[in-house]
Amino acid sequence: MTGHRIIAAGAAIALSLALAAPAVAQGSIGTMQQGRYVCELPGDAAGPRGIEQPELGFRIESDSRYSSAAGSGTYLRRGDRLTFTSGPRQGEEYAVISSATLRRLENGTPGRLRCIRQER
């Protein structure tokens, strides 16, 4: 190999690693358990444990799709973050707390709203 070919090959490898790095940093792509997710705000000691927010609930369907009372769309799960990527909830982000629990992100940190998958 000539010097130019070695430099070009090295540059190509460096570029491919640089492009792949953000994907690794964001976490691997995955899906959520299918089913109905009930969203609620915390209650208080004198009342119920949680106060359901029916307009914020949704159902995880197959193939990274969701549906809600307002319509349906798609979502993307990368590591411990779920983002609605199309449909009426587009742009909403949630922290994945467990396989059945999400917390809506507010300014990048988990907020008060939690969504819990209900058994079928």
Foldseek 3Di string as FASTA:
>chain_A
DDPVVVVVVVVVVVVVVVVCVVLVVQADKDFADWAKKWKFFADDPVDDRTHTDQQPIWTQDPDQKIAHPQGIAGWIDGHQKIAGCDDPRHGWMWGRPDSFKTFTDDPRHGDRMMIGGDDD
